[in-house]
Protein backbone atom coordinates (compact mmCIF):
# COMPACT_ATOMS: atom_id res chain seq x y z
CA MET A 1 -19.01 2.38 19.65
CA PRO A 2 -19.19 5.79 17.88
CA ALA A 3 -17.13 6.27 14.85
CA GLY A 4 -13.85 8.15 15.43
CA THR A 5 -12.68 11.19 13.73
CA ARG A 6 -11.27 10.88 10.39
CA VAL A 7 -7.14 11.44 10.32
CA ARG A 8 -6.15 14.25 7.65
CA TRP A 9 -2.99 14.15 5.88
CA ALA A 10 -1.22 17.14 4.28
CA VAL A 11 1.97 18.30 2.75
CA VAL A 12 2.75 21.59 3.85
CA SER A 13 5.55 22.47 1.85
CA ALA A 14 7.61 21.21 -1.26
CA THR A 15 10.60 20.00 0.77
CA SER A 16 9.40 19.27 4.24
CA VAL A 17 7.02 16.81 4.83
CA ALA A 18 4.30 17.42 7.49
CA LEU A 19 1.62 14.45 8.25
CA VAL A 20 -0.92 16.11 10.09
CA ALA A 21 -3.53 14.08 11.77
CA THR A 22 -6.55 15.40 13.79
CA GLY A 23 -8.98 13.97 16.09
CA CYS A 24 -7.23 10.59 16.87
CA GLY A 25 -7.12 11.34 20.16
CA SER A 26 -7.17 11.00 23.79
CA SER A 27 -9.74 10.67 26.49
CA GLY A 28 -10.28 9.87 29.87
CA SER A 29 -8.75 12.48 32.18
CA GLY A 30 -7.73 12.96 36.16
CA SER A 31 -9.53 13.47 38.78
CA GLY A 32 -8.07 15.67 41.28
CA GLY A 33 -5.79 18.68 40.36
CA GLY A 34 -4.00 18.86 43.88
CA SER A 35 -0.04 18.76 44.40
CA SER A 36 1.91 16.29 42.74
CA ASP A 37 5.51 14.86 43.40
CA THR A 38 7.56 14.46 40.34
CA SER A 39 9.86 12.02 42.00
CA LYS A 40 7.07 9.33 42.67
CA THR A 41 6.85 6.27 40.34
CA PHE A 42 3.53 5.24 39.34
CA THR A 43 2.63 1.44 38.41
CA TYR A 44 1.06 -0.20 35.25
CA GLN A 45 -0.48 -3.26 34.28
CA SER A 46 1.94 -4.88 31.85
CA SER A 47 2.75 -8.60 30.58
CA GLU A 48 5.93 -10.16 30.59
CA PRO A 49 7.95 -9.39 27.41
CA GLN A 50 8.12 -11.93 24.89
CA ASN A 51 11.88 -10.91 23.42
CA PRO A 52 14.50 -9.10 25.01
CA LEU A 53 14.27 -5.22 25.30
CA GLN A 54 15.50 -4.40 21.83
CA PRO A 55 13.72 -1.67 19.79
CA ALA A 56 13.48 -3.77 16.83
CA ASN A 57 12.43 -6.67 18.77
CA ALA A 58 9.16 -6.17 20.24
CA ASN A 59 5.82 -6.10 18.36
CA GLU A 60 3.72 -7.12 21.13
CA THR A 61 2.41 -5.01 23.88
CA GLY A 62 4.41 -6.63 26.75
CA GLY A 63 7.64 -5.43 25.40
CA GLY A 64 6.44 -2.54 23.15
CA ARG A 65 4.91 -0.41 25.98
CA ILE A 66 8.38 -0.60 28.14
CA VAL A 67 10.76 0.22 24.97
CA GLN A 68 8.59 2.73 23.60
CA ASN A 69 9.40 4.84 26.91
CA LEU A 70 13.27 3.57 27.06
CA PHE A 71 13.91 4.51 23.50
CA LYS A 72 13.00 7.48 21.35
CA GLY A 73 13.13 7.82 17.50
CA LEU A 74 12.68 10.71 15.01
CA ALA A 75 9.41 11.47 15.70
CA ASP A 76 6.59 10.07 17.55
CA TYR A 77 2.68 11.00 18.02
CA ASP A 78 1.23 13.45 19.91
CA PRO A 79 -1.06 11.97 22.71
CA SER A 80 -3.36 14.70 22.90
CA ASN A 81 -4.18 14.75 19.29
CA GLY A 82 -2.64 12.13 17.17
CA LYS A 83 -0.41 14.67 15.17
CA LEU A 84 2.97 13.42 13.75
CA ARG A 85 5.67 15.71 16.09
CA MET A 86 9.45 15.61 15.71
CA GLN A 87 11.45 14.22 18.25
CA VAL A 88 15.22 13.53 18.02
CA ALA A 89 14.73 14.94 14.33
CA ASP A 90 14.76 18.45 13.95
CA LYS A 91 12.69 18.14 10.46
CA ILE A 92 12.23 15.23 7.79
CA ASP A 93 12.95 16.57 4.23
CA THR A 94 11.98 15.18 0.78
CA SER A 95 10.66 16.49 -2.73
CA ASP A 96 9.82 13.32 -4.17
CA ALA A 97 8.63 11.08 -1.44
CA GLN A 98 11.53 8.74 -2.15
CA ASN A 99 14.76 10.46 -1.30
CA TYR A 100 14.53 11.82 2.22
CA THR A 101 17.11 14.34 4.29
CA VAL A 102 16.69 14.02 8.03
CA THR A 103 18.19 16.78 10.11
CA LEU A 104 18.72 15.89 14.02
CA LYS A 105 18.39 18.56 16.81
CA SER A 106 21.40 18.62 19.12
CA GLY A 107 21.86 17.83 22.29
CA TRP A 108 20.17 14.67 22.98
CA THR A 109 22.31 11.70 24.67
CA PHE A 110 21.70 8.02 25.75
CA HIS A 111 21.03 7.14 29.39
CA ASP A 112 24.61 6.21 29.23
CA GLY A 113 25.87 9.81 28.30
CA THR A 114 26.84 9.38 24.93
CA PRO A 115 25.54 11.52 22.08
CA VAL A 116 22.65 10.82 19.98
CA THR A 117 24.07 11.15 16.09
CA ALA A 118 23.06 10.50 13.07
CA LYS A 119 25.29 7.58 12.82
CA SER A 120 23.36 5.99 15.97
CA PHE A 121 20.01 5.70 13.74
CA VAL A 122 21.95 4.16 10.58
CA ASP A 123 23.86 1.80 12.47
CA ALA A 124 20.62 0.39 14.94
CA TRP A 125 18.55 0.49 11.41
CA ASN A 126 21.53 -1.74 9.65
CA TRP A 127 21.92 -3.61 12.71
CA ALA A 128 17.97 -4.26 12.87
CA ALA A 129 17.56 -5.11 9.24
CA ASN A 130 20.19 -7.43 9.29
CA THR A 131 18.78 -11.25 8.92
CA ASN A 132 21.90 -12.19 11.18
CA ASN A 133 20.64 -10.38 14.08
CA ASN A 134 17.22 -12.25 14.29
CA GLN A 135 15.00 -8.98 14.89
CA ILE A 136 11.08 -9.41 14.68
CA ASN A 137 10.68 -6.17 13.38
CA SER A 138 13.37 -6.06 10.39
CA SER A 139 10.69 -6.08 7.63
CA TRP A 140 10.03 -2.48 9.04
CA PHE A 141 13.23 -1.25 7.08
CA ALA A 142 12.30 -3.21 3.71
CA ASP A 143 11.26 0.28 1.99
CA ILE A 144 15.13 1.32 2.29
CA GLU A 145 17.35 0.55 -0.65
CA GLY A 146 19.83 -2.16 0.09
CA TYR A 147 17.14 -4.03 2.38
CA LYS A 148 17.23 -7.28 0.31
CA ASP A 149 21.18 -7.17 0.28
CA ILE A 150 21.28 -7.25 3.95
CA HIS A 151 17.82 -9.49 4.64
CA PRO A 152 18.10 -11.86 1.52
CA GLU A 153 14.82 -14.06 1.11
CA SER A 154 17.51 -16.75 1.29
CA GLY A 155 21.10 -17.45 2.46
CA SER A 156 23.44 -14.95 3.91
CA PRO A 157 23.73 -11.24 3.72
CA THR A 158 25.97 -9.98 1.34
CA THR A 159 26.74 -6.62 3.10
CA ASP A 160 26.01 -5.28 6.80
CA LYS A 161 24.75 -1.62 5.76
CA MET A 162 21.91 -0.74 3.60
CA SER A 163 22.92 1.09 0.34
CA GLY A 164 19.85 3.69 1.06
CA LEU A 165 21.31 5.13 4.21
CA ALA A 166 23.90 7.81 4.33
CA VAL A 167 25.71 9.62 7.22
CA GLN A 168 26.05 13.21 6.05
CA ASP A 169 27.61 14.49 9.63
CA ASP A 170 26.72 14.29 13.32
CA THR A 171 23.10 15.62 12.60
CA HIS A 172 22.24 15.10 9.16
CA PHE A 173 21.94 11.44 7.21
CA THR A 174 19.87 10.61 4.17
CA ILE A 175 17.40 7.72 3.60
CA LYS A 176 16.76 6.62 -0.26
CA LEU A 177 13.69 4.02 -0.67
CA TYR A 178 13.11 1.31 -3.38
CA ASN A 179 10.04 3.51 -4.58
CA LYS A 180 8.05 6.40 -3.65
CA VAL A 181 6.64 5.99 0.24
CA SER A 182 4.50 8.85 0.63
CA TYR A 183 3.45 8.05 4.35
CA PHE A 184 7.46 6.91 5.19
CA PRO A 185 7.59 9.55 7.88
CA PHE A 186 4.56 8.42 9.73
CA LYS A 187 6.52 5.04 9.71
CA LEU A 188 9.19 6.60 11.46
CA GLY A 189 7.28 7.06 14.76
CA TYR A 190 7.69 3.49 15.37
CA VAL A 191 9.84 2.27 18.24
CA ALA A 192 11.73 -0.10 15.67
CA PHE A 193 12.99 3.00 14.31
CA SER A 194 15.07 4.12 17.46
CA PRO A 195 18.55 5.23 17.86
CA LEU A 196 21.27 2.65 19.86
CA PRO A 197 24.32 3.48 21.73
CA GLU A 198 27.53 2.37 20.61
CA GLY A 199 28.27 -0.02 23.47
CA PHE A 200 24.78 -2.00 22.59
CA TYR A 201 26.72 -3.70 19.69
CA LYS A 202 29.23 -5.35 21.82
CA ASP A 203 26.62 -7.12 24.00
CA PRO A 204 23.53 -7.07 22.08
CA ALA A 205 21.93 -9.88 24.29
CA GLY A 206 23.22 -8.24 27.43
CA TYR A 207 21.80 -5.07 26.45
CA GLY A 208 18.53 -6.52 25.84
CA GLN A 209 18.24 -7.34 29.22
CA LYS A 210 19.36 -4.15 30.55
CA PRO A 211 18.85 -1.54 27.72
CA VAL A 212 20.30 1.72 27.31
CA GLY A 213 18.18 3.90 25.32
CA ASN A 214 17.64 7.42 24.97
CA GLY A 215 13.76 8.14 25.94
CA PRO A 216 12.17 10.03 28.94
CA TYR A 217 12.71 6.78 31.27
CA GLU A 218 15.97 4.88 31.73
CA PHE A 219 16.33 1.25 32.67
CA VAL A 220 16.53 0.19 36.57
CA SER A 221 15.51 -3.50 36.97
CA TRP A 222 13.85 -6.49 35.30
CA ASP A 223 12.52 -9.37 37.64
CA HIS A 224 11.22 -11.22 35.54
CA ASN A 225 7.70 -12.35 35.12
CA SER A 226 7.37 -9.77 38.45
CA GLN A 227 8.23 -6.37 37.07
CA VAL A 228 10.55 -3.57 34.99
CA VAL A 229 11.19 -0.63 36.89
CA THR A 230 11.94 2.66 34.90
CA LYS A 231 13.22 5.93 36.38
CA THR A 232 12.78 9.38 34.67
CA PHE A 233 16.07 10.33 32.73
CA ALA A 234 16.92 13.67 33.75
CA ASN A 235 18.64 14.69 30.81
CA TYR A 236 16.00 14.06 28.52
CA GLN A 237 15.51 16.19 25.53
CA GLY A 238 12.00 15.39 24.01
CA VAL A 239 9.25 17.79 24.07
CA ASP A 240 7.11 15.34 26.31
CA LYS A 241 9.11 15.99 29.62
CA PRO A 242 7.86 13.37 32.39
CA LYS A 243 6.00 14.80 35.27
CA ASN A 244 6.62 11.97 37.36
CA GLY A 245 10.02 9.86 38.84
CA GLY A 246 9.15 6.89 36.51
CA VAL A 247 6.75 3.88 35.36
CA VAL A 248 6.94 0.59 37.11
CA PHE A 249 5.68 -2.22 34.97
CA LYS A 250 3.71 -4.96 37.00
CA MET A 251 3.22 -8.42 35.37
CA TYR A 252 -0.21 -9.85 35.67
CA THR A 253 -1.53 -13.31 35.30
CA THR A 254 -5.12 -12.34 34.85
CA SER A 255 -6.68 -9.29 34.37
CA GLU A 256 -8.93 -10.20 37.28
CA ALA A 257 -6.12 -9.65 39.60
CA ALA A 258 -4.99 -6.53 38.17
CA TYR A 259 -8.35 -4.72 38.47
CA ALA A 260 -8.60 -5.76 42.09
CA ASP A 261 -5.35 -4.36 42.94
CA LEU A 262 -6.43 -1.38 41.04
CA GLN A 263 -9.46 -0.93 43.38
CA SER A 264 -7.49 -1.57 46.66
CA ASN A 265 -4.83 1.04 45.19
CA ASN A 266 -1.99 -1.59 44.61
CA LEU A 267 -1.87 -0.59 40.93
CA ASP A 268 -1.93 2.92 39.50
CA VAL A 269 -3.15 2.63 36.11
CA MET A 270 -4.90 -0.36 34.24
CA ASP A 271 -4.47 -1.24 30.56
CA GLN A 272 -7.87 -2.83 30.24
CA VAL A 273 -10.32 -3.63 32.87
CA PRO A 274 -11.67 -7.48 32.56
CA PRO A 275 -14.76 -8.19 30.72
CA SER A 276 -16.27 -9.37 34.21
CA ALA A 277 -16.16 -6.07 35.45
CA LEU A 278 -16.89 -4.04 32.15
CA ALA A 279 -20.95 -3.44 33.63
CA ASN A 280 -19.74 -2.08 36.85
CA TYR A 281 -16.31 -0.50 36.32
CA LYS A 282 -17.82 3.30 35.54
CA ASN A 283 -19.76 2.78 38.87
CA ASP A 284 -16.79 1.22 40.89
CA LEU A 285 -14.30 3.86 39.94
CA GLY A 286 -16.53 7.19 39.57
CA ASP A 287 -14.35 9.61 37.83
CA ARG A 288 -11.28 7.52 37.48
CA ALA A 289 -12.87 5.29 34.53
CA ILE A 290 -11.77 5.60 31.24
CA ASP A 291 -13.79 5.15 28.12
CA ALA A 292 -11.73 6.32 25.26
CA PRO A 293 -11.58 5.56 21.52
CA GLN A 294 -8.88 3.24 20.26
CA GLY A 295 -7.79 2.65 17.06
CA ALA A 296 -7.40 -1.49 17.53
CA ILE A 297 -9.18 -4.36 16.35
CA GLN A 298 -9.60 -8.26 17.86
CA ASN A 299 -9.40 -10.63 15.27
CA ILE A 300 -9.10 -14.80 15.06
CA GLY A 301 -6.33 -15.70 12.62
CA PHE A 302 -6.11 -19.10 10.89
CA THR A 303 -2.63 -21.28 10.92
CA LEU A 304 -2.46 -20.92 7.12
CA TYR A 305 1.20 -22.63 6.93
CA GLN A 306 -0.73 -25.86 7.81
CA ALA A 307 -1.92 -28.10 4.98
CA ASP A 308 -5.02 -28.39 6.68
CA TRP A 309 -6.16 -24.96 5.95
CA GLN A 310 -4.84 -24.50 2.68
CA GLY A 311 -6.30 -24.49 -0.70
CA GLN A 312 -9.16 -22.64 -1.90
CA ASP A 313 -11.80 -24.85 -0.91
CA LYS A 314 -10.79 -23.89 2.87
CA ASN A 315 -11.41 -20.27 2.04
CA LYS A 316 -15.23 -21.14 2.18
CA VAL A 317 -14.54 -22.92 5.42
CA ARG A 318 -12.98 -19.81 6.73
CA GLN A 319 -15.94 -17.57 5.81
CA GLY A 320 -18.43 -19.99 7.10
CA LEU A 321 -16.62 -19.78 10.24
CA SER A 322 -16.76 -15.87 10.27
CA MET A 323 -20.44 -16.04 10.04
CA ALA A 324 -21.13 -18.54 12.48
CA ILE A 325 -20.27 -15.78 14.90
CA ASP A 326 -22.93 -13.57 16.53
CA ARG A 327 -20.84 -10.35 16.73
CA ASP A 328 -23.90 -8.66 17.51
CA THR A 329 -25.00 -10.74 20.86
CA ILE A 330 -21.57 -11.03 22.25
CA THR A 331 -20.65 -7.53 21.98
CA LYS A 332 -24.04 -6.43 23.84
CA THR A 333 -23.84 -9.21 26.31
CA VAL A 334 -20.34 -10.81 27.08
CA LEU A 335 -18.47 -7.46 26.49
CA GLN A 336 -21.19 -5.18 27.60
CA ASN A 337 -20.97 -2.90 24.77
CA SER A 338 -17.48 -2.01 25.26
CA ARG A 339 -16.89 -2.98 21.59
CA LYS A 340 -18.29 -2.78 18.29
CA PRO A 341 -18.83 -5.56 15.46
CA ALA A 342 -16.26 -5.21 12.76
CA SER A 343 -16.99 -5.57 9.33
CA ALA A 344 -13.51 -4.75 7.85
CA TRP A 345 -9.73 -5.60 8.66
CA VAL A 346 -9.14 -1.76 9.50
CA ALA A 347 -10.24 -0.33 12.69
CA GLU A 348 -12.54 2.92 12.71
CA GLY A 349 -11.15 6.25 12.62
CA VAL A 350 -7.95 5.30 11.06
CA ASP A 351 -7.53 7.03 7.89
CA GLY A 352 -8.67 4.92 4.70
CA TYR A 353 -10.90 2.71 7.41
CA LYS A 354 -13.92 1.58 4.78
CA ALA A 355 -17.11 -0.44 6.46
CA GLY A 356 -18.28 -3.21 5.01
CA THR A 357 -15.36 -4.77 3.48
CA CYS A 358 -15.88 -7.87 4.74
CA GLY A 359 -19.36 -8.01 3.38
CA ASP A 360 -21.65 -10.88 4.70
CA PHE A 361 -19.07 -12.81 5.94
CA CYS A 362 -19.07 -10.75 9.05
CA THR A 363 -22.45 -11.05 9.49
CA TYR A 364 -24.42 -13.86 11.72
CA ASN A 365 -25.89 -16.50 9.45
CA ALA A 366 -26.14 -19.88 10.82
CA ASP A 367 -27.35 -21.52 7.71
CA LYS A 368 -25.27 -19.91 5.14
CA ALA A 369 -22.12 -20.91 7.76
CA LYS A 370 -23.01 -24.48 7.37
CA GLN A 371 -23.46 -24.17 3.71
CA LEU A 372 -19.93 -22.46 3.19
CA ILE A 373 -18.39 -25.04 5.38
CA THR A 374 -20.11 -28.22 3.60
CA GLU A 375 -19.13 -26.78 0.61
CA GLY A 376 -15.31 -26.20 1.60
CA GLY A 377 -15.06 -29.94 2.49
CA GLY A 378 -15.41 -29.19 6.17
CA VAL A 379 -13.23 -28.09 9.49
CA PRO A 380 -10.70 -30.50 9.64
CA GLY A 381 -11.67 -33.24 12.19
CA ASN A 382 -14.99 -31.38 12.63
CA ALA A 383 -12.92 -29.51 15.74
CA ILE A 384 -11.31 -26.37 16.28
CA LYS A 385 -9.28 -24.61 19.12
CA ILE A 386 -8.91 -21.13 19.71
CA THR A 387 -5.72 -20.26 21.49
CA TYR A 388 -5.52 -17.22 23.68
CA ASN A 389 -3.59 -15.85 26.57
CA ALA A 390 -5.40 -16.41 29.29
CA ASP A 391 -3.77 -13.04 31.31
CA GLY A 392 -5.64 -10.84 29.36
CA GLY A 393 -9.33 -11.14 29.96
CA HIS A 394 -10.00 -13.06 26.87
CA LYS A 395 -11.43 -16.47 28.22
CA GLU A 396 -15.70 -14.87 28.60
CA TRP A 397 -15.24 -13.67 24.65
CA VAL A 398 -13.73 -17.09 23.59
CA ASP A 399 -15.99 -19.29 25.16
CA ALA A 400 -18.98 -17.34 23.80
CA VAL A 401 -17.69 -17.48 20.17
CA CYS A 402 -17.18 -21.07 20.70
CA ASN A 403 -20.34 -21.30 21.88
CA SER A 404 -22.03 -19.62 18.77
CA ILE A 405 -19.98 -21.55 16.44
CA ARG A 406 -20.86 -24.88 17.70
CA GLN A 407 -24.68 -23.89 17.91
CA ALA A 408 -24.65 -22.70 14.42
CA THR A 409 -22.73 -25.05 12.84
CA GLY A 410 -22.27 -28.46 15.14
CA VAL A 411 -18.46 -27.77 14.83
CA ASN A 412 -16.84 -28.56 17.59
CA CYS A 413 -14.94 -25.41 19.17
CA THR A 414 -12.94 -25.12 22.57
CA GLY A 415 -10.66 -22.68 23.88
CA ASP A 416 -7.37 -23.24 24.37
CA PRO A 417 -5.73 -20.87 26.98
CA LYS A 418 -1.90 -20.56 27.32
CA THR A 419 -0.66 -19.37 30.91
CA ASP A 420 0.26 -15.58 29.12
CA PHE A 421 1.22 -13.10 26.63
CA LYS A 422 4.59 -14.52 26.22
CA THR A 423 3.57 -17.75 26.24
CA ALA A 424 0.81 -17.37 23.70
CA ARG A 425 3.16 -15.31 21.62
CA ALA A 426 5.70 -17.57 21.52
CA ALA A 427 3.83 -20.26 20.38
CA ILE A 428 1.99 -18.46 17.64
CA THR A 429 5.01 -16.83 16.18
CA GLY A 430 7.19 -20.35 16.84
CA HIS A 431 4.23 -22.25 14.61
CA GLN A 432 3.10 -24.07 17.25
CA ILE A 433 -0.31 -23.41 16.88
CA ASN A 434 -3.11 -25.70 15.62
CA GLY A 435 -6.14 -24.05 13.92
CA LEU A 436 -7.22 -20.94 15.28
CA PHE A 437 -5.44 -17.82 17.55
CA ARG A 438 -6.36 -14.77 19.17
CA THR A 439 -4.98 -11.80 17.50
CA GLY A 440 -5.47 -8.26 18.10
CA TRP A 441 -3.80 -5.27 16.13
CA VAL A 442 -3.21 -1.52 17.59
CA GLN A 443 -2.12 0.83 15.06
CA ASP A 444 1.57 1.91 14.82
CA TYR A 445 0.65 4.65 12.76
CA PRO A 446 -2.99 5.84 12.15
CA LEU A 447 -2.93 4.65 8.42
CA ASN A 448 -4.95 1.41 6.90
CA ALA A 449 -1.82 0.33 5.28
CA ASN A 450 -0.63 -0.47 9.08
CA PHE A 451 -3.42 -2.62 9.35
CA LEU A 452 -3.03 -4.24 6.16
CA ALA A 453 0.81 -4.49 4.61
CA ASP A 454 2.20 -4.91 8.25
CA VAL A 455 -0.20 -7.79 9.05
CA TYR A 456 -0.96 -9.61 5.55
CA ARG A 457 1.77 -8.72 3.20
CA THR A 458 3.78 -12.03 2.23
CA GLY A 459 6.86 -12.25 5.29
CA ALA A 460 5.69 -9.09 7.02
CA ALA A 461 6.61 -9.06 10.72
CA SER A 462 3.36 -9.53 12.04
CA ASN A 463 2.04 -11.85 9.68
CA ASP A 464 1.27 -14.57 12.07
CA THR A 465 -1.20 -16.47 9.90
CA GLY A 466 1.29 -17.37 7.07
CA TYR A 467 -1.02 -15.74 4.35
CA SER A 468 0.67 -15.26 1.02
CA SER A 469 -1.60 -13.65 -1.93
CA PRO A 470 0.16 -12.44 -5.09
CA GLU A 471 -2.65 -10.37 -5.32
CA PHE A 472 -2.65 -8.56 -1.94
CA ASP A 473 0.99 -7.95 -2.43
CA LYS A 474 0.72 -6.19 -5.91
CA LEU A 475 -2.15 -4.01 -4.56
CA ALA A 476 -0.50 -3.20 -1.46
CA ASN A 477 2.86 -2.24 -3.64
CA GLU A 478 1.02 0.00 -6.17
CA ALA A 479 -0.74 1.40 -2.81
CA ASP A 480 2.68 2.15 -1.49
CA GLN A 481 4.00 4.10 -4.61
CA ALA A 482 0.38 6.11 -5.00
CA ALA A 483 1.50 9.98 -5.33
CA SER A 484 -0.13 11.02 -2.10
CA VAL A 485 -1.25 9.58 1.30
CA GLU A 486 -4.65 10.03 0.35
CA ASP A 487 -4.02 7.94 -2.82
CA THR A 488 -2.49 5.34 -0.70
CA ALA A 489 -5.24 4.86 1.81
CA THR A 490 -7.57 4.09 -1.41
CA GLY A 491 -5.13 1.65 -2.78
CA TYR A 492 -5.21 -0.12 0.40
CA GLN A 493 -8.72 -0.48 0.45
CA LYS A 494 -8.41 -2.47 -3.18
CA ALA A 495 -6.06 -4.94 -1.62
CA GLU A 496 -8.38 -5.22 1.72
CA ALA A 497 -10.87 -6.29 -0.45
CA GLN A 498 -8.66 -9.44 -1.12
CA LEU A 499 -9.05 -10.56 2.27
CA ALA A 500 -12.81 -11.22 2.05
CA ILE A 501 -11.98 -13.51 -0.65
CA ASP A 502 -9.46 -15.42 1.67
CA MET A 503 -10.20 -14.81 5.09
CA PRO A 504 -6.70 -15.27 6.67
CA ALA A 505 -8.13 -13.76 9.73
CA ILE A 506 -11.66 -13.18 11.21
CA PRO A 507 -12.29 -9.59 12.02
CA LEU A 508 -14.40 -9.93 15.51
CA TRP A 509 -14.99 -6.43 16.84
CA TYR A 510 -13.08 -2.86 17.27
CA TYR A 511 -11.63 -1.88 20.77
CA ARG A 512 -12.16 0.96 23.03
CA THR A 513 -9.99 1.68 26.02
CA ASN A 514 -12.15 0.69 29.04
CA SER A 515 -9.46 1.45 32.16
CA GLY A 516 -9.22 3.27 35.41
CA PHE A 517 -6.87 4.60 37.58
CA SER A 518 -5.93 4.67 41.40
CA THR A 519 -6.79 7.63 43.62
CA LYS A 520 -2.90 7.86 43.91
CA VAL A 521 -2.48 9.15 40.44
CA GLN A 522 -4.41 12.18 38.54
CA ASN A 523 -4.05 13.77 34.80
CA VAL A 524 -4.17 10.21 33.54
CA ALA A 525 -5.54 10.23 29.72
CA PHE A 526 -5.33 7.58 26.94
CA ASP A 527 -4.51 8.07 23.04
CA SER A 528 -6.02 6.33 20.06
CA PHE A 529 -3.12 3.96 20.33
CA GLY A 530 -4.63 2.51 23.93
CA ASN A 531 -1.49 3.88 25.22
CA PRO A 532 -1.44 6.39 28.31
CA ALA A 533 0.28 9.53 27.94
CA TRP A 534 2.81 8.08 29.97
CA THR A 535 4.94 11.32 30.81
CA GLN A 536 2.03 13.22 31.60
CA VAL A 537 0.79 11.18 34.60
CA GLU A 538 1.14 13.04 37.78
CA VAL A 539 1.53 11.23 41.17
CA LYS A 540 -0.05 13.25 44.18
CA GLY A 541 2.23 14.50 46.77
């Protein structure tokens, strides 16, 4: 995979923050150019959401991609070039990277017709951050002053409002952070920072099943384990007006079934083609095949919250297992050169990416792998399982990884498939896994901090391994408070080096989007987040 274009960030004035990203971008395209019908929906390969459809309760792709279409926050990212663009916000001002003033555009409404105001954001963020509401993405609000009071490490909240948030009027509110965070506006593009309507608080559970948002699409129905149906919101005020009538998210238990439906025009847009189709999908689909850069990485995580994997000696065991994986051969054969072996925990093309951070531990060396495993006291029971979701096209590469580990070290390795993504995620987040598990990360914003702080910082929303390193946390905190985004990226490179010492997760390879679309749609393009430009897809008339 060719190296992605670097992202450049700049502050364009003393008081208005504009973080500019170039070349993050899209690909794929669309065949055709014929007439389209803006009333028609298109179907997309999906998986059953892990949690209710609440903006701060989706950090996996099954729920996340649905929620990001039902809701719209202050800003998002232009799929054509990766630039941060304002949506509900007219501007986000700061003079010191710690105190921010948000000005909203007028005219935005929720799908129920009620207005989107400054209070809609402040109330939603306070609710999402509150420990009592058990939102999986609550830690995204940890920068805001008062978060520790509403989300204490132990015990109950002492308040239901963060002191760092203040409504000025219907179109203005202020944000005060504990410390300077130069890249904070880019984090605001994440769906967890979406507004909520007043009616939500009367019945959060009910709204989780029948959400009311302010995004380009409004909710129609959810037939669990089958599909979520949306339709275009006629009063949508965003810059990305839909060119179609809605998206139907179809749940599949295998990517092979989805690919078969794509070929027979029973599915319009795929997420990823299965490994079994990688060799031939471009021939199968012709100009409807997509091969695009993606800011994403595939890893194998360890259950560091279990005693078997704790202690300094086990660092060597994890390093040894990493060296027992022949990434070059697996990516060339099983994955048909659709992936590139990883040498770091941050994806290529992301600002702050530094090749080689993993060092020799990401290079295949059977002799050294066995030596490290022996020095670390061996793998518990000399056997490991790698848990993965069977509906995601992972079996082939998991089997190949296990074969590589067995042949290199003699450790008995087997795959542990779970029926679907929801089941696998529930087991992982519920700490019901023994040993190892497949985990991937797609950028939420194109900065190395997203791949590091949001995954490996103690207590982070997506820290599924239970990793906790005082040194990593110290370096991450210092990076957050750097004077510029460039300095933040450099600081996080220092924090990333600690991961090579501790090896909480094994980097495997960097993703590309290998996808395709049916003959019924056109103007299909994917961004560097691995998403189609949803609103720009056209359904042929």
